[in-house]
Amino acid sequence: MQITRFAEAKPYQTTRHHDMVGLQLQGHAASQTDVFTCGLSLFLPGGGADMSSSPAEKIYVVLEGEIVVRTETGEYTLGPLDSCHLAPNEARAIENRNNTVASVLVILSKPKVKV
């Protein structure tokens, strides 16, 4: 078992995000995982992510606050304990339109390694 204490979680940078702090909870340098990583994204008021896609599947679980997730099919507001799944290569944008920090648990699939 590999434990990451919240007080020891390392921040990470991610492209196309602004006014957001990410903390790596599992995966990458935090632990050895085979198929996913898990992080905590803290979106400041006005913070978010630009419209983009990646080959990773994504699950977002809002822990506190509220975010707006925009996809090609519409705009969806997620509040505490709401979640969404984004398919591989599904484009999305995120925005925190409130004056409080939004905490979002982020689970990402790891890309499959071609042999």
PDB file of N, CA and C in Angstrom:
ATOM      1  N   MET A   1       0.845  -1.176   0.000  1.00  0.00           N
ATOM      2  CA  MET A   1       0.000   0.000   0.000  1.00  0.00           C
ATOM      3  C   MET A   1       0.889   1.238   0.000  1.00  0.00           C
ATOM      4  N   GLN A   2       0.476   2.245  -0.733  1.00  0.00           N
ATOM      5  CA  GLN A   2       1.198   3.508  -0.769  1.00  0.00           C
ATOM      6  C   GLN A   2       0.250   4.621  -0.309  1.00  0.00           C
ATOM      7  N   ILE A   3       0.673   5.347   0.698  1.00  0.00           N
ATOM      8  CA  ILE A   3      -0.150   6.409   1.277  1.00  0.00           C
ATOM      9  C   ILE A   3       0.461   7.759   0.940  1.00  0.00           C
ATOM     10  N   THR A   4      -0.391   8.677   0.535  1.00  0.00           N
ATOM     11  CA  THR A   4       0.022  10.069   0.366  1.00  0.00           C
ATOM     12  C   THR A   4      -0.736  10.892   1.401  1.00  0.00           C
ATOM     13  N   ARG A   5      -0.032  11.466   2.326  1.00  0.00           N
ATOM     14  CA  ARG A   5      -0.648  12.349   3.317  1.00  0.00           C
ATOM     15  C   ARG A   5      -0.923  13.689   2.635  1.00  0.00           C
ATOM     16  N   PHE A   6      -2.103  14.226   2.883  1.00  0.00           N
ATOM     17  CA  PHE A   6      -2.471  15.486   2.235  1.00  0.00           C
ATOM     18  C   PHE A   6      -1.423  16.568   2.495  1.00  0.00           C
ATOM     19  N   ALA A   7      -0.915  16.622   3.706  1.00  0.00           N
ATOM     20  CA  ALA A   7       0.073  17.643   4.064  1.00  0.00           C
ATOM     21  C   ALA A   7       1.363  17.498   3.263  1.00  0.00           C
ATOM     22  N   GLU A   8       1.595  16.309   2.687  1.00  0.00           N
ATOM     23  CA  GLU A   8       2.813  16.051   1.933  1.00  0.00           C
ATOM     24  C   GLU A   8       2.583  15.963   0.419  1.00  0.00           C
ATOM     25  N   ALA A   9       1.337  16.162  -0.025  1.00  0.00           N
ATOM     26  CA  ALA A   9       1.028  16.089  -1.459  1.00  0.00           C
ATOM     27  C   ALA A   9       1.784  17.191  -2.199  1.00  0.00           C
ATOM     28  N   LYS A  10       2.386  16.829  -3.315  1.00  0.00           N
ATOM     29  CA  LYS A  10       3.204  17.762  -4.103  1.00  0.00           C
ATOM     30  C   LYS A  10       2.349  18.488  -5.146  1.00  0.00           C
ATOM     31  N   PRO A  11       2.570  19.790  -5.283  1.00  0.00           N
ATOM     32  CA  PRO A  11       1.871  20.523  -6.339  1.00  0.00           C
ATOM     33  C   PRO A  11       2.397  20.119  -7.713  1.00  0.00           C
ATOM     34  N   TYR A  12       1.552  20.248  -8.706  1.00  0.00           N
ATOM     35  CA  TYR A  12       1.975  19.975 -10.080  1.00  0.00           C
ATOM     36  C   TYR A  12       1.412  21.050 -11.002  1.00  0.00           C
ATOM     37  N   GLN A  13       2.091  21.250 -12.092  1.00  0.00           N
ATOM     38  CA  GLN A  13       1.672  22.221 -13.111  1.00  0.00           C
ATOM     39  C   GLN A  13       0.966  21.472 -14.233  1.00  0.00           C
ATOM     40  N   THR A  14      -0.004  22.091 -14.817  1.00  0.00           N
ATOM     41  CA  THR A  14      -0.662  21.506 -15.976  1.00  0.00           C
ATOM     42  C   THR A  14      -0.929  22.598 -17.004  1.00  0.00           C
ATOM     43  N   THR A  15      -0.818  22.257 -18.251  1.00  0.00           N
ATOM     44  CA  THR A  15      -0.969  23.250 -19.316  1.00  0.00           C
ATOM     45  C   THR A  15      -2.430  23.653 -19.492  1.00  0.00           C
ATOM     46  N   ARG A  16      -2.616  24.832 -20.020  1.00  0.00           N
ATOM     47  CA  ARG A  16      -3.937  25.383 -20.362  1.00  0.00           C
ATOM     48  C   ARG A  16      -4.866  25.549 -19.155  1.00  0.00           C
ATOM     49  N   HIS A  17      -4.302  25.603 -17.944  1.00  0.00           N
ATOM     50  CA  HIS A  17      -5.069  25.899 -16.735  1.00  0.00           C
ATOM     51  C   HIS A  17      -4.600  27.250 -16.197  1.00  0.00           C
ATOM     52  N   HIS A  18      -5.494  27.980 -15.552  1.00  0.00           N
ATOM     53  CA  HIS A  18      -5.130  29.263 -14.957  1.00  0.00           C
ATOM     54  C   HIS A  18      -5.834  29.412 -13.608  1.00  0.00           C
ATOM     55  N   ASP A  19      -5.163  30.113 -12.711  1.00  0.00           N
ATOM     56  CA  ASP A  19      -5.687  30.325 -11.356  1.00  0.00           C
ATOM     57  C   ASP A  19      -6.154  28.999 -10.741  1.00  0.00           C
ATOM     58  N   MET A  20      -5.281  27.991 -10.842  1.00  0.00           N
ATOM     59  CA  MET A  20      -5.555  26.651 -10.334  1.00  0.00           C
ATOM     60  C   MET A  20      -4.275  26.093  -9.732  1.00  0.00           C
ATOM     61  N   VAL A  21      -4.428  25.434  -8.594  1.00  0.00           N
ATOM     62  CA  VAL A  21      -3.322  24.712  -7.983  1.00  0.00           C
ATOM     63  C   VAL A  21      -3.701  23.241  -7.978  1.00  0.00           C
ATOM     64  N   GLY A  22      -2.804  22.396  -8.482  1.00  0.00           N
ATOM     65  CA  GLY A  22      -3.046  20.958  -8.481  1.00  0.00           C
ATOM     66  C   GLY A  22      -2.139  20.275  -7.482  1.00  0.00           C
ATOM     67  N   LEU A  23      -2.674  19.309  -6.758  1.00  0.00           N
ATOM     68  CA  LEU A  23      -1.895  18.502  -5.820  1.00  0.00           C
ATOM     69  C   LEU A  23      -1.996  17.042  -6.254  1.00  0.00           C
ATOM     70  N   GLN A  24      -0.846  16.382  -6.418  1.00  0.00           N
ATOM     71  CA  GLN A  24      -0.815  14.981  -6.837  1.00  0.00           C
ATOM     72  C   GLN A  24      -1.065  14.094  -5.630  1.00  0.00           C
ATOM     73  N   LEU A  25      -2.159  13.324  -5.651  1.00  0.00           N
ATOM     74  CA  LEU A  25      -2.492  12.441  -4.538  1.00  0.00           C
ATOM     75  C   LEU A  25      -1.987  11.014  -4.779  1.00  0.00           C
ATOM     76  N   GLN A  26      -2.171  10.513  -5.986  1.00  0.00           N
ATOM     77  CA  GLN A  26      -1.706   9.175  -6.353  1.00  0.00           C
ATOM     78  C   GLN A  26      -1.253   9.202  -7.798  1.00  0.00           C
ATOM     79  N   GLY A  27      -0.287   8.355  -8.120  1.00  0.00           N
ATOM     80  CA  GLY A  27       0.240   8.292  -9.476  1.00  0.00           C
ATOM     81  C   GLY A  27       1.407   9.240  -9.653  1.00  0.00           C
ATOM     82  N   HIS A  28       2.003   9.186 -10.822  1.00  0.00           N
ATOM     83  CA  HIS A  28       3.213   9.956 -11.133  1.00  0.00           C
ATOM     84  C   HIS A  28       4.240   9.741 -10.017  1.00  0.00           C
ATOM     85  N   ALA A  29       4.772  10.790  -9.430  1.00  0.00           N
ATOM     86  CA  ALA A  29       5.801  10.639  -8.394  1.00  0.00           C
ATOM     87  C   ALA A  29       5.208  10.271  -7.027  1.00  0.00           C
ATOM     88  N   ALA A  30       3.875  10.392  -6.856  1.00  0.00           N
ATOM     89  CA  ALA A  30       3.267  10.131  -5.551  1.00  0.00           C
ATOM     90  C   ALA A  30       3.154   8.643  -5.234  1.00  0.00           C
ATOM     91  N   SER A  31       2.922   7.825  -6.249  1.00  0.00           N
ATOM     92  CA  SER A  31       2.793   6.381  -6.035  1.00  0.00           C
ATOM     93  C   SER A  31       2.866   5.675  -7.382  1.00  0.00           C
ATOM     94  N   GLN A  32       3.031   4.378  -7.320  1.00  0.00           N
ATOM     95  CA  GLN A  32       3.091   3.597  -8.555  1.00  0.00           C
ATOM     96  C   GLN A  32       1.699   3.081  -8.873  1.00  0.00           C
ATOM     97  N   THR A  33       1.091   3.627  -9.919  1.00  0.00           N
ATOM     98  CA  THR A  33      -0.214   3.152 -10.376  1.00  0.00           C
ATOM     99  C   THR A  33      -0.075   2.706 -11.822  1.00  0.00           C
ATOM    100  N   ASP A  34      -0.865   1.720 -12.203  1.00  0.00           N
ATOM    101  CA  ASP A  34      -0.772   1.178 -13.550  1.00  0.00           C
ATOM    102  C   ASP A  34      -1.725   1.833 -14.541  1.00  0.00           C
ATOM    103  N   VAL A  35      -2.914   2.208 -14.088  1.00  0.00           N
ATOM    104  CA  VAL A  35      -3.929   2.627 -15.059  1.00  0.00           C
ATOM    105  C   VAL A  35      -4.535   4.010 -14.816  1.00  0.00           C
ATOM    106  N   PHE A  36      -4.209   4.666 -13.709  1.00  0.00           N
ATOM    107  CA  PHE A  36      -4.799   5.974 -13.446  1.00  0.00           C
ATOM    108  C   PHE A  36      -3.898   6.807 -12.552  1.00  0.00           C
ATOM    109  N   THR A  37      -4.210   8.097 -12.486  1.00  0.00           N
ATOM    110  CA  THR A  37      -3.623   8.996 -11.506  1.00  0.00           C
ATOM    111  C   THR A  37      -4.773   9.735 -10.827  1.00  0.00           C
ATOM    112  N   CYS A  38      -4.498  10.303  -9.675  1.00  0.00           N
ATOM    113  CA  CYS A  38      -5.527  11.008  -8.930  1.00  0.00           C
ATOM    114  C   CYS A  38      -4.929  12.283  -8.356  1.00  0.00           C
ATOM    115  N   GLY A  39      -5.599  13.393  -8.588  1.00  0.00           N
ATOM    116  CA  GLY A  39      -5.131  14.666  -8.067  1.00  0.00           C
ATOM    117  C   GLY A  39      -6.279  15.479  -7.504  1.00  0.00           C
ATOM    118  N   LEU A  40      -5.921  16.549  -6.847  1.00  0.00           N
ATOM    119  CA  LEU A  40      -6.902  17.495  -6.324  1.00  0.00           C
ATOM    120  C   LEU A  40      -6.623  18.828  -6.983  1.00  0.00           C
ATOM    121  N   SER A  41      -7.617  19.349  -7.696  1.00  0.00           N
ATOM    122  CA  SER A  41      -7.485  20.659  -8.334  1.00  0.00           C
ATOM    123  C   SER A  41      -8.241  21.689  -7.510  1.00  0.00           C
ATOM    124  N   LEU A  42      -7.558  22.772  -7.174  1.00  0.00           N
ATOM    125  CA  LEU A  42      -8.163  23.875  -6.427  1.00  0.00           C
ATOM    126  C   LEU A  42      -8.260  25.062  -7.370  1.00  0.00           C
ATOM    127  N   PHE A  43      -9.481  25.365  -7.809  1.00  0.00           N
ATOM    128  CA  PHE A  43      -9.720  26.458  -8.743  1.00  0.00           C
ATOM    129  C   PHE A  43     -10.094  27.715  -7.969  1.00  0.00           C
ATOM    130  N   LEU A  44      -9.275  28.741  -8.096  1.00  0.00           N
ATOM    131  CA  LEU A  44      -9.583  30.029  -7.478  1.00  0.00           C
ATOM    132  C   LEU A  44     -10.770  30.671  -8.186  1.00  0.00           C
ATOM    133  N   PRO A  45     -11.403  31.678  -7.576  1.00  0.00           N
ATOM    134  CA  PRO A  45     -12.461  32.390  -8.275  1.00  0.00           C
ATOM    135  C   PRO A  45     -11.951  32.883  -9.638  1.00  0.00           C
ATOM    136  N   GLY A  46     -12.719  32.604 -10.677  1.00  0.00           N
ATOM    137  CA  GLY A  46     -12.315  32.981 -12.029  1.00  0.00           C
ATOM    138  C   GLY A  46     -11.349  32.006 -12.672  1.00  0.00           C
ATOM    139  N   GLY A  47     -10.889  31.022 -11.928  1.00  0.00           N
ATOM    140  CA  GLY A  47      -9.933  30.057 -12.462  1.00  0.00           C
ATOM    141  C   GLY A  47     -10.608  29.031 -13.347  1.00  0.00           C
ATOM    142  N   GLY A  48      -9.790  28.305 -14.085  1.00  0.00           N
ATOM    143  CA  GLY A  48     -10.360  27.276 -14.944  1.00  0.00           C
ATOM    144  C   GLY A  48      -9.338  26.640 -15.854  1.00  0.00           C
ATOM    145  N   ALA A  49      -9.865  26.011 -16.886  1.00  0.00           N
ATOM    146  CA  ALA A  49      -9.053  25.345 -17.896  1.00  0.00           C
ATOM    147  C   ALA A  49      -9.617  25.696 -19.267  1.00  0.00           C
ATOM    148  N   ASP A  50      -8.725  25.978 -20.201  1.00  0.00           N
ATOM    149  CA  ASP A  50      -9.141  26.297 -21.564  1.00  0.00           C
ATOM    150  C   ASP A  50      -9.700  25.064 -22.247  1.00  0.00           C
ATOM    151  N   MET A  51     -10.496  25.292 -23.289  1.00  0.00           N
ATOM    152  CA  MET A  51     -11.048  24.183 -24.062  1.00  0.00           C
ATOM    153  C   MET A  51      -9.895  23.381 -24.660  1.00  0.00           C
ATOM    154  N   SER A  52      -9.854  22.099 -24.346  1.00  0.00           N
ATOM    155  CA  SER A  52      -8.826  21.203 -24.886  1.00  0.00           C
ATOM    156  C   SER A  52      -9.268  19.768 -24.659  1.00  0.00           C
ATOM    157  N   SER A  53      -8.538  18.855 -25.268  1.00  0.00           N
ATOM    158  CA  SER A  53      -8.811  17.432 -25.079  1.00  0.00           C
ATOM    159  C   SER A  53      -7.485  16.707 -24.911  1.00  0.00           C
ATOM    160  N   SER A  54      -7.572  15.469 -24.443  1.00  0.00           N
ATOM    161  CA  SER A  54      -6.381  14.629 -24.305  1.00  0.00           C
ATOM    162  C   SER A  54      -6.825  13.182 -24.440  1.00  0.00           C
ATOM    163  N   PRO A  55      -5.877  12.273 -24.664  1.00  0.00           N
ATOM    164  CA  PRO A  55      -6.254  10.863 -24.791  1.00  0.00           C
ATOM    165  C   PRO A  55      -6.673  10.209 -23.470  1.00  0.00           C
ATOM    166  N   ALA A  56      -6.524  10.915 -22.356  1.00  0.00           N
ATOM    167  CA  ALA A  56      -6.894  10.345 -21.052  1.00  0.00           C
ATOM    168  C   ALA A  56      -8.403  10.458 -20.821  1.00  0.00           C
ATOM    169  N   GLU A  57      -8.969   9.396 -20.238  1.00  0.00           N
ATOM    170  CA  GLU A  57     -10.329   9.482 -19.711  1.00  0.00           C
ATOM    171  C   GLU A  57     -10.250  10.287 -18.429  1.00  0.00           C
ATOM    172  N   LYS A  58     -11.293  11.068 -18.133  1.00  0.00           N
ATOM    173  CA  LYS A  58     -11.270  11.911 -16.943  1.00  0.00           C
ATOM    174  C   LYS A  58     -12.552  11.734 -16.135  1.00  0.00           C
ATOM    175  N   ILE A  59     -12.401  11.727 -14.827  1.00  0.00           N
ATOM    176  CA  ILE A  59     -13.540  11.799 -13.923  1.00  0.00           C
ATOM    177  C   ILE A  59     -13.281  12.975 -12.993  1.00  0.00           C
ATOM    178  N   TYR A  60     -14.255  13.869 -12.902  1.00  0.00           N
ATOM    179  CA  TYR A  60     -14.187  15.004 -11.982  1.00  0.00           C
ATOM    180  C   TYR A  60     -15.255  14.801 -10.912  1.00  0.00           C
ATOM    181  N   VAL A  61     -14.866  14.946  -9.644  1.00  0.00           N
ATOM    182  CA  VAL A  61     -15.800  14.918  -8.525  1.00  0.00           C
ATOM    183  C   VAL A  61     -15.621  16.222  -7.767  1.00  0.00           C
ATOM    184  N   VAL A  62     -16.642  17.049  -7.736  1.00  0.00           N
ATOM    185  CA  VAL A  62     -16.562  18.322  -7.013  1.00  0.00           C
ATOM    186  C   VAL A  62     -16.718  18.030  -5.526  1.00  0.00           C
ATOM    187  N   LEU A  63     -15.742  18.456  -4.745  1.00  0.00           N
ATOM    188  CA  LEU A  63     -15.799  18.257  -3.301  1.00  0.00           C
ATOM    189  C   LEU A  63     -16.388  19.468  -2.595  1.00  0.00           C
ATOM    190  N   GLU A  64     -15.972  20.661  -3.017  1.00  0.00           N
ATOM    191  CA  GLU A  64     -16.478  21.915  -2.448  1.00  0.00           C
ATOM    192  C   GLU A  64     -16.591  22.936  -3.561  1.00  0.00           C
ATOM    193  N   GLY A  65     -17.524  23.859  -3.399  1.00  0.00           N
ATOM    194  CA  GLY A  65     -17.682  24.918  -4.385  1.00  0.00           C
ATOM    195  C   GLY A  65     -18.469  24.444  -5.593  1.00  0.00           C
ATOM    196  N   GLU A  66     -18.189  25.088  -6.722  1.00  0.00           N
ATOM    197  CA  GLU A  66     -18.955  24.822  -7.932  1.00  0.00           C
ATOM    198  C   GLU A  66     -18.093  25.123  -9.149  1.00  0.00           C
ATOM    199  N   ILE A  67     -18.175  24.292 -10.171  1.00  0.00           N
ATOM    200  CA  ILE A  67     -17.501  24.556 -11.435  1.00  0.00           C
ATOM    201  C   ILE A  67     -18.498  24.411 -12.576  1.00  0.00           C
ATOM    202  N   VAL A  68     -18.185  25.062 -13.667  1.00  0.00           N
ATOM    203  CA  VAL A  68     -18.948  24.899 -14.902  1.00  0.00           C
ATOM    204  C   VAL A  68     -18.043  24.145 -15.866  1.00  0.00           C
ATOM    205  N   VAL A  69     -18.545  23.030 -16.388  1.00  0.00           N
ATOM    206  CA  VAL A  69     -17.821  22.240 -17.384  1.00  0.00           C
ATOM    207  C   VAL A  69     -18.546  22.440 -18.708  1.00  0.00           C
ATOM    208  N   ARG A  70     -17.798  22.894 -19.696  1.00  0.00           N
ATOM    209  CA  ARG A  70     -18.363  23.140 -21.025  1.00  0.00           C
ATOM    210  C   ARG A  70     -17.778  22.119 -21.999  1.00  0.00           C
ATOM    211  N   THR A  71     -18.640  21.473 -22.759  1.00  0.00           N
ATOM    212  CA  THR A  71     -18.218  20.535 -23.796  1.00  0.00           C
ATOM    213  C   THR A  71     -18.903  20.944 -25.095  1.00  0.00           C
ATOM    214  N   GLU A  72     -18.682  20.176 -26.141  1.00  0.00           N
ATOM    215  CA  GLU A  72     -19.335  20.467 -27.419  1.00  0.00           C
ATOM    216  C   GLU A  72     -20.843  20.259 -27.341  1.00  0.00           C
ATOM    217  N   THR A  73     -21.319  19.528 -26.328  1.00  0.00           N
ATOM    218  CA  THR A  73     -22.750  19.259 -26.197  1.00  0.00           C
ATOM    219  C   THR A  73     -23.479  20.224 -25.271  1.00  0.00           C
ATOM    220  N   GLY A  74     -22.753  21.084 -24.566  1.00  0.00           N
ATOM    221  CA  GLY A  74     -23.416  22.034 -23.684  1.00  0.00           C
ATOM    222  C   GLY A  74     -22.556  22.464 -22.524  1.00  0.00           C
ATOM    223  N   GLU A  75     -23.218  23.132 -21.573  1.00  0.00           N
ATOM    224  CA  GLU A  75     -22.566  23.688 -20.399  1.00  0.00           C
ATOM    225  C   GLU A  75     -23.260  23.105 -19.173  1.00  0.00           C
ATOM    226  N   TYR A  76     -22.473  22.596 -18.224  1.00  0.00           N
ATOM    227  CA  TYR A  76     -23.028  21.884 -17.081  1.00  0.00           C
ATOM    228  C   TYR A  76     -22.412  22.408 -15.795  1.00  0.00           C
ATOM    229  N   THR A  77     -23.256  22.735 -14.826  1.00  0.00           N
ATOM    230  CA  THR A  77     -22.792  23.217 -13.532  1.00  0.00           C
ATOM    231  C   THR A  77     -22.762  22.044 -12.562  1.00  0.00           C
ATOM    232  N   LEU A  78     -21.598  21.853 -11.916  1.00  0.00           N
ATOM    233  CA  LEU A  78     -21.422  20.777 -10.943  1.00  0.00           C
ATOM    234  C   LEU A  78     -21.170  21.372  -9.566  1.00  0.00           C
ATOM    235  N   GLY A  79     -21.906  20.898  -8.583  1.00  0.00           N
ATOM    236  CA  GLY A  79     -21.730  21.329  -7.207  1.00  0.00           C
ATOM    237  C   GLY A  79     -21.201  20.192  -6.357  1.00  0.00           C
ATOM    238  N   PRO A  80     -21.176  20.366  -5.030  1.00  0.00           N
ATOM    239  CA  PRO A  80     -20.603  19.366  -4.138  1.00  0.00           C
ATOM    240  C   PRO A  80     -21.165  17.956  -4.355  1.00  0.00           C
ATOM    241  N   LEU A  81     -20.241  17.024  -4.544  1.00  0.00           N
ATOM    242  CA  LEU A  81     -20.471  15.601  -4.763  1.00  0.00           C
ATOM    243  C   LEU A  81     -21.101  15.283  -6.118  1.00  0.00           C
ATOM    244  N   ASP A  82     -21.261  16.273  -6.998  1.00  0.00           N
ATOM    245  CA  ASP A  82     -21.609  15.996  -8.391  1.00  0.00           C
ATOM    246  C   ASP A  82     -20.338  15.530  -9.088  1.00  0.00           C
ATOM    247  N   SER A  83     -20.502  14.709 -10.109  1.00  0.00           N
ATOM    248  CA  SER A  83     -19.339  14.221 -10.850  1.00  0.00           C
ATOM    249  C   SER A  83     -19.668  14.116 -12.326  1.00  0.00           C
ATOM    250  N   CYS A  84     -18.615  14.031 -13.140  1.00  0.00           N
ATOM    251  CA  CYS A  84     -18.803  13.811 -14.566  1.00  0.00           C
ATOM    252  C   CYS A  84     -17.662  12.952 -15.095  1.00  0.00           C
ATOM    253  N   HIS A  85     -17.928  12.294 -16.195  1.00  0.00           N
ATOM    254  CA  HIS A  85     -16.945  11.464 -16.898  1.00  0.00           C
ATOM    255  C   HIS A  85     -16.749  12.071 -18.276  1.00  0.00           C
ATOM    256  N   LEU A  86     -15.495  12.214 -18.675  1.00  0.00           N
ATOM    257  CA  LEU A  86     -15.165  12.692 -20.022  1.00  0.00           C
ATOM    258  C   LEU A  86     -14.423  11.576 -20.743  1.00  0.00           C
ATOM    259  N   ALA A  87     -14.890  11.248 -21.922  1.00  0.00           N
ATOM    260  CA  ALA A  87     -14.288  10.176 -22.716  1.00  0.00           C
ATOM    261  C   ALA A  87     -12.928  10.618 -23.252  1.00  0.00           C
ATOM    262  N   PRO A  88     -12.089   9.668 -23.649  1.00  0.00           N
ATOM    263  CA  PRO A  88     -10.819  10.040 -24.269  1.00  0.00           C
ATOM    264  C   PRO A  88     -11.060  10.974 -25.462  1.00  0.00           C
ATOM    265  N   ASN A  89     -10.259  12.018 -25.551  1.00  0.00           N
ATOM    266  CA  ASN A  89     -10.308  13.005 -26.638  1.00  0.00           C
ATOM    267  C   ASN A  89     -11.576  13.847 -26.663  1.00  0.00           C
ATOM    268  N   GLU A  90     -12.379  13.814 -25.594  1.00  0.00           N
ATOM    269  CA  GLU A  90     -13.546  14.685 -25.503  1.00  0.00           C
ATOM    270  C   GLU A  90     -13.090  16.056 -25.008  1.00  0.00           C
ATOM    271  N   ALA A  91     -13.344  17.081 -25.804  1.00  0.00           N
ATOM    272  CA  ALA A  91     -12.913  18.437 -25.436  1.00  0.00           C
ATOM    273  C   ALA A  91     -13.794  18.982 -24.313  1.00  0.00           C
ATOM    274  N   ARG A  92     -13.147  19.753 -23.426  1.00  0.00           N
ATOM    275  CA  ARG A  92     -13.874  20.391 -22.321  1.00  0.00           C
ATOM    276  C   ARG A  92     -13.143  21.648 -21.894  1.00  0.00           C
ATOM    277  N   ALA A  93     -13.903  22.556 -21.295  1.00  0.00           N
ATOM    278  CA  ALA A  93     -13.354  23.736 -20.624  1.00  0.00           C
ATOM    279  C   ALA A  93     -13.964  23.757 -19.231  1.00  0.00           C
ATOM    280  N   ILE A  94     -13.248  24.350 -18.280  1.00  0.00           N
ATOM    281  CA  ILE A  94     -13.718  24.434 -16.895  1.00  0.00           C
ATOM    282  C   ILE A  94     -13.635  25.882 -16.446  1.00  0.00           C
ATOM    283  N   GLU A  95     -14.620  26.307 -15.652  1.00  0.00           N
ATOM    284  CA  GLU A  95     -14.578  27.662 -15.118  1.00  0.00           C
ATOM    285  C   GLU A  95     -15.212  27.683 -13.731  1.00  0.00           C
ATOM    286  N   ASN A  96     -14.551  28.389 -12.805  1.00  0.00           N
ATOM    287  CA  ASN A  96     -15.114  28.654 -11.487  1.00  0.00           C
ATOM    288  C   ASN A  96     -15.675  30.068 -11.540  1.00  0.00           C
ATOM    289  N   ARG A  97     -16.980  30.192 -11.569  1.00  0.00           N
ATOM    290  CA  ARG A  97     -17.647  31.493 -11.709  1.00  0.00           C
ATOM    291  C   ARG A  97     -18.063  32.093 -10.369  1.00  0.00           C
ATOM    292  N   ASN A  98     -17.653  31.462  -9.281  1.00  0.00           N
ATOM    293  CA  ASN A  98     -18.029  31.940  -7.949  1.00  0.00           C
ATOM    294  C   ASN A  98     -16.854  32.605  -7.250  1.00  0.00           C
ATOM    295  N   ASN A  99     -17.121  33.175  -6.089  1.00  0.00           N
ATOM    296  CA  ASN A  99     -16.083  33.859  -5.318  1.00  0.00           C
ATOM    297  C   ASN A  99     -15.485  32.976  -4.228  1.00  0.00           C
ATOM    298  N   THR A 100     -15.687  31.675  -4.328  1.00  0.00           N
ATOM    299  CA  THR A 100     -15.069  30.747  -3.390  1.00  0.00           C
ATOM    300  C   THR A 100     -14.213  29.745  -4.172  1.00  0.00           C
ATOM    301  N   VAL A 101     -13.262  29.142  -3.505  1.00  0.00           N
ATOM    302  CA  VAL A 101     -12.411  28.133  -4.143  1.00  0.00           C
ATOM    303  C   VAL A 101     -13.241  26.879  -4.411  1.00  0.00           C
ATOM    304  N   ALA A 102     -13.058  26.291  -5.578  1.00  0.00           N
ATOM    305  CA  ALA A 102     -13.703  25.023  -5.913  1.00  0.00           C
ATOM    306  C   ALA A 102     -12.656  23.917  -5.830  1.00  0.00           C
ATOM    307  N   SER A 103     -12.953  22.873  -5.066  1.00  0.00           N
ATOM    308  CA  SER A 103     -12.062  21.717  -4.915  1.00  0.00           C
ATOM    309  C   SER A 103     -12.621  20.568  -5.747  1.00  0.00           C
ATOM    310  N   VAL A 104     -11.779  20.031  -6.634  1.00  0.00           N
ATOM    311  CA  VAL A 104     -12.235  18.978  -7.538  1.00  0.00           C
ATOM    312  C   VAL A 104     -11.254  17.810  -7.505  1.00  0.00           C
ATOM    313  N   LEU A 105     -11.751  16.627  -7.169  1.00  0.00           N
ATOM    314  CA  LEU A 105     -10.963  15.411  -7.249  1.00  0.00           C
ATOM    315  C   LEU A 105     -10.917  15.009  -8.722  1.00  0.00           C
ATOM    316  N   VAL A 106      -9.717  14.791  -9.249  1.00  0.00           N
ATOM    317  CA  VAL A 106      -9.537  14.487 -10.669  1.00  0.00           C
ATOM    318  C   VAL A 106      -8.875  13.119 -10.798  1.00  0.00           C
ATOM    319  N   ILE A 107      -9.538  12.215 -11.516  1.00  0.00           N
ATOM    320  CA  ILE A 107      -8.997  10.887 -11.783  1.00  0.00           C
ATOM    321  C   ILE A 107      -8.782  10.787 -13.291  1.00  0.00           C
ATOM    322  N   LEU A 108      -7.542  10.487 -13.676  1.00  0.00           N
ATOM    323  CA  LEU A 108      -7.175  10.409 -15.098  1.00  0.00           C
ATOM    324  C   LEU A 108      -6.645   9.027 -15.426  1.00  0.00           C
ATOM    325  N   SER A 109      -7.067   8.507 -16.577  1.00  0.00           N
ATOM    326  CA  SER A 109      -6.480   7.250 -17.024  1.00  0.00           C
ATOM    327  C   SER A 109      -5.072   7.521 -17.525  1.00  0.00           C
ATOM    328  N   LYS A 110      -4.203   6.535 -17.388  1.00  0.00           N
ATOM    329  CA  LYS A 110      -2.860   6.646 -17.962  1.00  0.00           C
ATOM    330  C   LYS A 110      -2.917   6.144 -19.397  1.00  0.00           C
ATOM    331  N   PRO A 111      -2.189   6.791 -20.302  1.00  0.00           N
ATOM    332  CA  PRO A 111      -2.189   6.307 -21.684  1.00  0.00           C
ATOM    333  C   PRO A 111      -1.659   4.882 -21.755  1.00  0.00           C
ATOM    334  N   LYS A 112      -2.267   4.106 -22.643  1.00  0.00           N
ATOM    335  CA  LYS A 112      -1.808   2.732 -22.843  1.00  0.00           C
ATOM    336  C   LYS A 112      -0.489   2.752 -23.585  1.00  0.00           C
ATOM    337  N   VAL A 113       0.444   1.943 -23.114  1.00  0.00           N
ATOM    338  CA  VAL A 113       1.752   1.858 -23.740  1.00  0.00           C
ATOM    339  C   VAL A 113       1.689   0.837 -24.867  1.00  0.00           C
ATOM    340  N   LYS A 114       2.092   1.259 -26.065  1.00  0.00           N
ATOM    341  CA  LYS A 114       2.120   0.331 -27.207  1.00  0.00           C
ATOM    342  C   LYS A 114       3.371  -0.497 -27.148  1.00  0.00           C
ATOM    343  N   VAL A 115       3.213  -1.784 -27.344  1.00  0.00           N
ATOM    344  CA  VAL A 115       4.343  -2.703 -27.293  1.00  0.00           C
ATOM    345  C   VAL A 115       4.781  -3.071 -28.684  1.00  0.00           C
TER     346      VAL A 115
END
